[in-house]
Amino acid sequence: MMWPVARYPRYLSTATLAGAPVAQRSSRPGWRDPRLWVGVALVAGSVVAGARIVGAADDTVAVWAAEVDLGAGTSLAEVDLVRRHVRFADGDGLAAYLRADRPLPEGQLLRAVGSGELLPRAAVGSAARSGTVQLPVSVEPEQVPPSVDAGAVVDVYVVAPGGSAGAGAGARTGEVEPALAGASVVAAPAIEESFGTTGRRQLVLAVPEADAQHFFALLGAAEQATVTVVRRG
C-alpha cells in the first residue's frame, strides 16, 4: 500500500516567511483625526437637543384652580384651591390667572367658580365691589343636609304652610324656584354653637344685596314659612 505524497512542505523556508505580510497593531486615532471631531460634534448635538426637550417639557407655570365648587362671596383660602401646572402661549394668558407661587390676594369671589376651573384674577375682589352681603339664615336641622359646611354652594327655598314655595325673580307659572340660588356658605356652625336653645341651625350665606332683600320679603309675606336648604354638587 502506498501512502499519498504530502501536498504541502513540512517546513516553510526563510524566503517564504520573508515575503509574508507583517501584522500591524491598530492605533488610537489622534486629536487631528477628523473622525474624532465628528464624534465629539454628534455627542454635543445630542446633549443640546436633550436639554431643549427637557426644558420644553418643564415650561409650565403653577396656577390656582378651584378644588370644589365655590360660590360668589367665598373668601379665598388655599384649603379650597389646588395647584395646576399649565403651559401658556404668552404672558398675557398667564396674567389672567392667579399664580400659585405667589401669595393669594385678599378678597372674595365676585362670581361662582366651578370645581377644576382655573381661578381668574378678574373673579377676585372686595365685598364692596361684588355687592354681596352676609345673610344669616335660621333653619331646622332636618331641613339642611348634614354635609353643608363653609364653602358649600346651596339653594334656599321658602315654603309657606299651604305648600307653595316662594319663587325667585323671573319664576314662571307652575315652576318652583329657590328664593336664593347658588349661595355660598360663609359659615356653618354646629347646632350647639348657633341656636342651642331653639335647636335650629344657623347658616351664614354670601348673596347679592338685592337677593337678601327679596329673601326677607318672602319670609315676611308667608307666616310660619319653612326654610329648606339644598346643597349643590
C-alpha atoms as a PDB file:
ATOM      1  CA  MET A   1       0.000   0.000   0.000  1.00  0.00           C
ATOM      2  CA  MET A   2       1.412   3.427  -0.960  1.00  0.00           C
ATOM      3  CA  TRP A   3       0.877   6.485   1.142  1.00  0.00           C
ATOM      4  CA  PRO A   4      -0.064   9.738  -0.654  1.00  0.00           C
ATOM      5  CA  VAL A   5       2.617  12.326  -1.016  1.00  0.00           C
ATOM      6  CA  ALA A   6       2.122  15.400   1.171  1.00  0.00           C
ATOM      7  CA  ARG A   7       0.904  18.353  -0.832  1.00  0.00           C
ATOM      8  CA  TYR A   8       2.490  20.971   1.456  1.00  0.00           C
ATOM      9  CA  PRO A   9       6.018  21.057   2.773  1.00  0.00           C
ATOM     10  CA  ARG A  10       6.562  20.333   6.407  1.00  0.00           C
ATOM     11  CA  TYR A  11       8.682  23.372   6.900  1.00  0.00           C
ATOM     12  CA  LEU A  12       8.480  26.843   5.349  1.00  0.00           C
ATOM     13  CA  SER A  13      11.643  28.315   4.020  1.00  0.00           C
ATOM     14  CA  THR A  14      13.101  31.614   5.234  1.00  0.00           C
ATOM     15  CA  ALA A  15      12.440  33.169   1.863  1.00  0.00           C
ATOM     16  CA  THR A  16       8.777  32.264   2.124  1.00  0.00           C
ATOM     17  CA  LEU A  17       8.456  33.829   5.577  1.00  0.00           C
ATOM     18  CA  ALA A  18      10.195  36.947   4.388  1.00  0.00           C
ATOM     19  CA  GLY A  19       7.549  37.506   1.709  1.00  0.00           C
ATOM     20  CA  ALA A  20       4.578  37.221   4.081  1.00  0.00           C
ATOM     21  CA  PRO A  21       2.829  40.492   5.156  1.00  0.00           C
ATOM     22  CA  VAL A  22       3.697  41.752   8.611  1.00  0.00           C
ATOM     23  CA  ALA A  23       0.740  42.167  11.057  1.00  0.00           C
ATOM     24  CA  GLN A  24       0.323  45.686  12.384  1.00  0.00           C
ATOM     25  CA  ARG A  25      -1.371  46.765  15.589  1.00  0.00           C
ATOM     26  CA  SER A  26      -4.278  49.195  15.370  1.00  0.00           C
ATOM     27  CA  SER A  27      -3.554  52.595  16.857  1.00  0.00           C
ATOM     28  CA  ARG A  28      -5.925  55.009  18.529  1.00  0.00           C
ATOM     29  CA  PRO A  29      -6.926  57.998  16.427  1.00  0.00           C
ATOM     30  CA  GLY A  30      -5.088  61.178  17.328  1.00  0.00           C
ATOM     31  CA  TRP A  31      -6.607  64.567  18.017  1.00  0.00           C
ATOM     32  CA  ARG A  32      -6.037  65.504  14.391  1.00  0.00           C
ATOM     33  CA  ASP A  33      -8.167  62.595  13.194  1.00  0.00           C
ATOM     34  CA  PRO A  34     -11.404  64.041  11.670  1.00  0.00           C
ATOM     35  CA  ARG A  35     -13.351  61.040  12.917  1.00  0.00           C
ATOM     36  CA  LEU A  36     -12.701  62.122  16.493  1.00  0.00           C
ATOM     37  CA  TRP A  37     -14.149  65.592  15.904  1.00  0.00           C
ATOM     38  CA  VAL A  38     -17.178  64.172  14.098  1.00  0.00           C
ATOM     39  CA  GLY A  39     -17.877  62.005  17.140  1.00  0.00           C
ATOM     40  CA  VAL A  40     -17.497  64.938  19.508  1.00  0.00           C
ATOM     41  CA  ALA A  41     -19.912  67.020  17.410  1.00  0.00           C
ATOM     42  CA  LEU A  42     -22.515  64.234  17.441  1.00  0.00           C
ATOM     43  CA  VAL A  43     -22.326  63.873  21.226  1.00  0.00           C
ATOM     44  CA  ALA A  44     -22.561  67.646  21.759  1.00  0.00           C
ATOM     45  CA  GLY A  45     -25.556  67.880  19.428  1.00  0.00           C
ATOM     46  CA  SER A  46     -27.330  65.094  21.324  1.00  0.00           C
ATOM     47  CA  VAL A  47     -26.747  66.845  24.665  1.00  0.00           C
ATOM     48  CA  VAL A  48     -28.108  70.170  23.372  1.00  0.00           C
ATOM     49  CA  ALA A  49     -31.161  68.516  21.806  1.00  0.00           C
ATOM     50  CA  GLY A  50     -31.898  66.603  25.008  1.00  0.00           C
ATOM     51  CA  ALA A  51     -31.595  69.755  27.100  1.00  0.00           C
ATOM     52  CA  ARG A  52     -34.055  71.566  24.845  1.00  0.00           C
ATOM     53  CA  ILE A  53     -36.566  68.724  25.064  1.00  0.00           C
ATOM     54  CA  VAL A  54     -36.357  68.608  28.856  1.00  0.00           C
ATOM     55  CA  GLY A  55     -36.628  72.393  29.052  1.00  0.00           C
ATOM     56  CA  ALA A  56     -39.728  72.404  26.858  1.00  0.00           C
ATOM     57  CA  ALA A  57     -41.336  69.684  28.999  1.00  0.00           C
ATOM     58  CA  ASP A  58     -40.848  71.818  32.157  1.00  0.00           C
ATOM     59  CA  ASP A  59     -42.081  75.060  30.555  1.00  0.00           C
ATOM     60  CA  THR A  60     -45.197  75.186  32.735  1.00  0.00           C
ATOM     61  CA  VAL A  61     -46.437  77.568  35.425  1.00  0.00           C
ATOM     62  CA  ALA A  62     -48.351  76.615  38.575  1.00  0.00           C
ATOM     63  CA  VAL A  63     -51.682  78.465  38.888  1.00  0.00           C
ATOM     64  CA  TRP A  64     -54.569  78.117  41.318  1.00  0.00           C
ATOM     65  CA  ALA A  65     -57.724  76.183  40.455  1.00  0.00           C
ATOM     66  CA  ALA A  66     -60.866  75.518  42.483  1.00  0.00           C
ATOM     67  CA  GLU A  67     -60.790  72.117  44.165  1.00  0.00           C
ATOM     68  CA  VAL A  68     -64.564  72.253  44.812  1.00  0.00           C
ATOM     69  CA  ASP A  69     -67.447  74.407  43.595  1.00  0.00           C
ATOM     70  CA  LEU A  70     -67.047  77.891  45.061  1.00  0.00           C
ATOM     71  CA  GLY A  71     -69.926  80.334  45.118  1.00  0.00           C
ATOM     72  CA  ALA A  72     -69.851  84.095  44.816  1.00  0.00           C
ATOM     73  CA  GLY A  73     -68.781  85.753  48.051  1.00  0.00           C
ATOM     74  CA  THR A  74     -66.428  82.948  49.115  1.00  0.00           C
ATOM     75  CA  SER A  75     -63.291  84.239  50.796  1.00  0.00           C
ATOM     76  CA  LEU A  76     -60.105  82.947  49.203  1.00  0.00           C
ATOM     77  CA  ALA A  77     -58.303  80.208  51.120  1.00  0.00           C
ATOM     78  CA  GLU A  78     -55.704  77.694  49.974  1.00  0.00           C
ATOM     79  CA  VAL A  79     -57.704  74.852  51.524  1.00  0.00           C
ATOM     80  CA  ASP A  80     -60.331  75.320  48.776  1.00  0.00           C
ATOM     81  CA  LEU A  81     -57.771  75.506  45.968  1.00  0.00           C
ATOM     82  CA  VAL A  82     -55.407  73.149  44.174  1.00  0.00           C
ATOM     83  CA  ARG A  83     -52.284  73.772  42.091  1.00  0.00           C
ATOM     84  CA  ARG A  84     -52.406  73.123  38.351  1.00  0.00           C
ATOM     85  CA  HIS A  85     -49.356  73.228  36.068  1.00  0.00           C
ATOM     86  CA  VAL A  86     -50.329  74.891  32.794  1.00  0.00           C
ATOM     87  CA  ARG A  87     -48.341  75.901  29.708  1.00  0.00           C
ATOM     88  CA  PHE A  88     -49.410  79.311  28.401  1.00  0.00           C
ATOM     89  CA  ALA A  89     -48.769  80.523  24.877  1.00  0.00           C
ATOM     90  CA  ASP A  90     -47.822  84.024  26.043  1.00  0.00           C
ATOM     91  CA  GLY A  91     -47.539  86.236  29.081  1.00  0.00           C
ATOM     92  CA  ASP A  92     -50.987  87.756  28.589  1.00  0.00           C
ATOM     93  CA  GLY A  93     -52.620  84.362  29.093  1.00  0.00           C
ATOM     94  CA  LEU A  94     -50.725  83.809  32.341  1.00  0.00           C
ATOM     95  CA  ALA A  95     -51.543  87.308  33.614  1.00  0.00           C
ATOM     96  CA  ALA A  96     -55.263  86.494  33.548  1.00  0.00           C
ATOM     97  CA  TYR A  97     -54.938  83.859  36.317  1.00  0.00           C
ATOM     98  CA  LEU A  98     -53.615  83.707  39.870  1.00  0.00           C
ATOM     99  CA  ARG A  99     -50.160  82.134  40.125  1.00  0.00           C
ATOM    100  CA  ALA A 100     -49.679  79.531  42.839  1.00  0.00           C
ATOM    101  CA  ASP A 101     -46.111  80.620  43.579  1.00  0.00           C
ATOM    102  CA  ARG A 102     -47.327  83.995  44.862  1.00  0.00           C
ATOM    103  CA  PRO A 103     -49.484  84.934  47.879  1.00  0.00           C
ATOM    104  CA  LEU A 104     -53.232  84.871  47.406  1.00  0.00           C
ATOM    105  CA  PRO A 105     -54.767  88.336  47.152  1.00  0.00           C
ATOM    106  CA  GLU A 106     -57.181  89.418  49.844  1.00  0.00           C
ATOM    107  CA  GLY A 107     -60.826  89.447  48.853  1.00  0.00           C
ATOM    108  CA  GLN A 108     -63.607  87.143  47.815  1.00  0.00           C
ATOM    109  CA  LEU A 109     -65.041  85.682  44.653  1.00  0.00           C
ATOM    110  CA  LEU A 110     -67.145  88.050  42.605  1.00  0.00           C
ATOM    111  CA  ARG A 111     -68.718  85.111  40.749  1.00  0.00           C
ATOM    112  CA  ALA A 112     -69.051  81.362  41.156  1.00  0.00           C
ATOM    113  CA  VAL A 113     -66.063  79.218  40.137  1.00  0.00           C
ATOM    114  CA  GLY A 114     -66.657  75.576  39.290  1.00  0.00           C
ATOM    115  CA  SER A 115     -64.608  72.642  40.532  1.00  0.00           C
ATOM    116  CA  GLY A 116     -61.427  72.259  38.463  1.00  0.00           C
ATOM    117  CA  GLU A 117     -61.734  75.717  36.892  1.00  0.00           C
ATOM    118  CA  LEU A 118     -58.629  77.888  36.857  1.00  0.00           C
ATOM    119  CA  LEU A 119     -59.038  80.867  39.168  1.00  0.00           C
ATOM    120  CA  PRO A 120     -59.272  84.060  37.095  1.00  0.00           C
ATOM    121  CA  ARG A 121     -57.726  87.201  38.517  1.00  0.00           C
ATOM    122  CA  ALA A 122     -60.820  89.179  37.474  1.00  0.00           C
ATOM    123  CA  ALA A 123     -63.059  86.916  39.604  1.00  0.00           C
ATOM    124  CA  VAL A 124     -61.498  88.140  42.865  1.00  0.00           C
ATOM    125  CA  GLY A 125     -62.315  91.440  44.516  1.00  0.00           C
ATOM    126  CA  SER A 126     -63.636  93.159  47.614  1.00  0.00           C
ATOM    127  CA  ALA A 127     -67.107  92.777  49.068  1.00  0.00           C
ATOM    128  CA  ALA A 128     -67.952  96.354  48.109  1.00  0.00           C
ATOM    129  CA  ARG A 129     -67.050  95.642  44.501  1.00  0.00           C
ATOM    130  CA  SER A 130     -69.069  92.416  44.371  1.00  0.00           C
ATOM    131  CA  GLY A 131     -72.150  93.961  46.008  1.00  0.00           C
ATOM    132  CA  THR A 132     -72.627  90.904  48.243  1.00  0.00           C
ATOM    133  CA  VAL A 133     -73.715  90.777  51.867  1.00  0.00           C
ATOM    134  CA  GLN A 134     -73.530  88.097  54.530  1.00  0.00           C
ATOM    135  CA  LEU A 135     -77.018  86.812  55.243  1.00  0.00           C
ATOM    136  CA  PRO A 136     -77.824  84.757  58.386  1.00  0.00           C
ATOM    137  CA  VAL A 137     -80.411  82.051  57.777  1.00  0.00           C
ATOM    138  CA  SER A 138     -82.029  80.090  60.599  1.00  0.00           C
ATOM    139  CA  VAL A 139     -83.187  76.610  59.587  1.00  0.00           C
ATOM    140  CA  GLU A 140     -84.417  73.439  61.251  1.00  0.00           C
ATOM    141  CA  PRO A 141     -81.704  70.732  61.343  1.00  0.00           C
ATOM    142  CA  GLU A 142     -83.821  68.295  59.313  1.00  0.00           C
ATOM    143  CA  GLN A 143     -84.202  70.928  56.566  1.00  0.00           C
ATOM    144  CA  VAL A 144     -80.472  71.197  55.848  1.00  0.00           C
ATOM    145  CA  PRO A 145     -78.098  68.379  54.767  1.00  0.00           C
ATOM    146  CA  PRO A 146     -75.507  67.480  57.427  1.00  0.00           C
ATOM    147  CA  SER A 147     -72.774  67.842  54.798  1.00  0.00           C
ATOM    148  CA  VAL A 148     -73.383  71.586  54.411  1.00  0.00           C
ATOM    149  CA  ASP A 149     -70.384  73.430  55.751  1.00  0.00           C
ATOM    150  CA  ALA A 150     -68.336  76.512  54.944  1.00  0.00           C
ATOM    151  CA  GLY A 151     -67.568  76.718  51.230  1.00  0.00           C
ATOM    152  CA  ALA A 152     -70.616  74.728  50.120  1.00  0.00           C
ATOM    153  CA  VAL A 153     -72.936  76.091  47.429  1.00  0.00           C
ATOM    154  CA  VAL A 154     -76.639  75.867  48.289  1.00  0.00           C
ATOM    155  CA  ASP A 155     -80.132  76.818  47.152  1.00  0.00           C
ATOM    156  CA  VAL A 156     -82.625  78.072  49.728  1.00  0.00           C
ATOM    157  CA  TYR A 157     -86.397  77.550  49.401  1.00  0.00           C
ATOM    158  CA  VAL A 158     -89.095  79.324  51.403  1.00  0.00           C
ATOM    159  CA  VAL A 159     -92.210  77.140  51.637  1.00  0.00           C
ATOM    160  CA  ALA A 160     -95.467  78.536  53.005  1.00  0.00           C
ATOM    161  CA  PRO A 161     -97.692  76.409  55.291  1.00  0.00           C
ATOM    162  CA  GLY A 162    -100.052  75.724  52.395  1.00  0.00           C
ATOM    163  CA  GLY A 163     -97.265  74.032  50.455  1.00  0.00           C
ATOM    164  CA  SER A 164     -96.473  76.814  47.980  1.00  0.00           C
ATOM    165  CA  ALA A 165     -92.868  77.881  47.634  1.00  0.00           C
ATOM    166  CA  GLY A 166     -91.697  81.428  47.361  1.00  0.00           C
ATOM    167  CA  ALA A 167     -90.263  81.911  43.885  1.00  0.00           C
ATOM    168  CA  GLY A 168     -87.207  83.847  42.919  1.00  0.00           C
ATOM    169  CA  ALA A 169     -87.184  86.638  40.412  1.00  0.00           C
ATOM    170  CA  GLY A 170     -88.208  85.550  36.932  1.00  0.00           C
ATOM    171  CA  ALA A 171     -90.160  82.479  38.038  1.00  0.00           C
ATOM    172  CA  ARG A 172     -92.603  81.030  35.544  1.00  0.00           C
ATOM    173  CA  THR A 173     -96.082  79.706  36.363  1.00  0.00           C
ATOM    174  CA  GLY A 174     -96.059  76.136  37.694  1.00  0.00           C
ATOM    175  CA  GLU A 175     -92.325  76.147  38.484  1.00  0.00           C
ATOM    176  CA  VAL A 176     -90.780  76.220  41.927  1.00  0.00           C
ATOM    177  CA  GLU A 177     -87.618  78.266  42.115  1.00  0.00           C
ATOM    178  CA  PRO A 178     -85.358  78.847  45.102  1.00  0.00           C
ATOM    179  CA  ALA A 179     -85.563  82.120  46.962  1.00  0.00           C
ATOM    180  CA  LEU A 180     -81.745  82.094  46.952  1.00  0.00           C
ATOM    181  CA  ALA A 181     -79.934  80.278  44.167  1.00  0.00           C
ATOM    182  CA  GLY A 182     -76.243  79.369  44.165  1.00  0.00           C
ATOM    183  CA  ALA A 183     -75.497  80.985  47.517  1.00  0.00           C
ATOM    184  CA  SER A 184     -72.082  80.371  49.044  1.00  0.00           C
ATOM    185  CA  VAL A 185     -71.939  79.239  52.680  1.00  0.00           C
ATOM    186  CA  VAL A 186     -69.551  81.524  54.544  1.00  0.00           C
ATOM    187  CA  ALA A 187     -70.050  79.883  57.955  1.00  0.00           C
ATOM    188  CA  ALA A 188     -71.961  76.847  59.169  1.00  0.00           C
ATOM    189  CA  PRO A 189     -71.554  76.448  62.937  1.00  0.00           C
ATOM    190  CA  ALA A 190     -72.891  73.367  64.676  1.00  0.00           C
ATOM    191  CA  ILE A 191     -76.280  73.489  66.388  1.00  0.00           C
ATOM    192  CA  GLU A 192     -74.801  73.860  69.863  1.00  0.00           C
ATOM    193  CA  GLU A 193     -72.704  76.786  68.621  1.00  0.00           C
ATOM    194  CA  SER A 194     -75.562  78.684  66.995  1.00  0.00           C
ATOM    195  CA  PHE A 195     -79.097  78.266  68.342  1.00  0.00           C
ATOM    196  CA  GLY A 196     -78.653  75.628  71.006  1.00  0.00           C
ATOM    197  CA  THR A 197     -81.736  76.740  72.925  1.00  0.00           C
ATOM    198  CA  THR A 198     -84.111  76.532  69.960  1.00  0.00           C
ATOM    199  CA  GLY A 199     -82.497  73.570  68.249  1.00  0.00           C
ATOM    200  CA  ARG A 200     -82.242  75.461  64.981  1.00  0.00           C
ATOM    201  CA  ARG A 201     -79.105  75.735  62.897  1.00  0.00           C
ATOM    202  CA  GLN A 202     -77.768  79.000  61.587  1.00  0.00           C
ATOM    203  CA  LEU A 203     -76.030  79.362  58.238  1.00  0.00           C
ATOM    204  CA  VAL A 204     -74.275  82.495  57.021  1.00  0.00           C
ATOM    205  CA  LEU A 205     -74.604  82.923  53.262  1.00  0.00           C
ATOM    206  CA  ALA A 206     -72.908  85.323  50.866  1.00  0.00           C
ATOM    207  CA  VAL A 207     -75.552  86.651  48.478  1.00  0.00           C
ATOM    208  CA  PRO A 208     -76.127  89.770  46.377  1.00  0.00           C
ATOM    209  CA  GLU A 209     -77.751  92.547  48.369  1.00  0.00           C
ATOM    210  CA  ALA A 210     -80.861  92.518  46.157  1.00  0.00           C
ATOM    211  CA  ASP A 211     -81.322  88.773  46.759  1.00  0.00           C
ATOM    212  CA  ALA A 212     -81.139  89.297  50.504  1.00  0.00           C
ATOM    213  CA  GLN A 213     -83.904  91.885  50.327  1.00  0.00           C
ATOM    214  CA  HIS A 214     -86.010  89.528  48.232  1.00  0.00           C
ATOM    215  CA  PHE A 215     -85.456  86.726  50.758  1.00  0.00           C
ATOM    216  CA  PHE A 216     -86.674  88.849  53.668  1.00  0.00           C
ATOM    217  CA  ALA A 217     -89.705  89.927  51.632  1.00  0.00           C
ATOM    218  CA  LEU A 218     -90.681  86.278  51.114  1.00  0.00           C
ATOM    219  CA  LEU A 219     -90.283  85.488  54.799  1.00  0.00           C
ATOM    220  CA  GLY A 220     -92.472  88.460  55.716  1.00  0.00           C
ATOM    221  CA  ALA A 221     -95.173  87.530  53.211  1.00  0.00           C
ATOM    222  CA  ALA A 222     -95.531  83.916  54.395  1.00  0.00           C
ATOM    223  CA  GLU A 223     -96.243  83.365  58.079  1.00  0.00           C
ATOM    224  CA  GLN A 224     -94.601  80.326  59.644  1.00  0.00           C
ATOM    225  CA  ALA A 225     -92.812  79.535  56.396  1.00  0.00           C
ATOM    226  CA  THR A 226     -90.430  76.577  56.273  1.00  0.00           C
ATOM    227  CA  VAL A 227     -86.892  77.311  55.090  1.00  0.00           C
ATOM    228  CA  THR A 228     -85.230  74.396  53.309  1.00  0.00           C
ATOM    229  CA  VAL A 229     -81.608  74.310  52.210  1.00  0.00           C
ATOM    230  CA  VAL A 230     -80.499  72.141  49.283  1.00  0.00           C
ATOM    231  CA  ARG A 231     -76.806  71.579  48.666  1.00  0.00           C
ATOM    232  CA  ARG A 232     -75.466  71.626  45.124  1.00  0.00           C
ATOM    233  CA  GLY A 233     -72.918  69.087  43.948  1.00  0.00           C
END
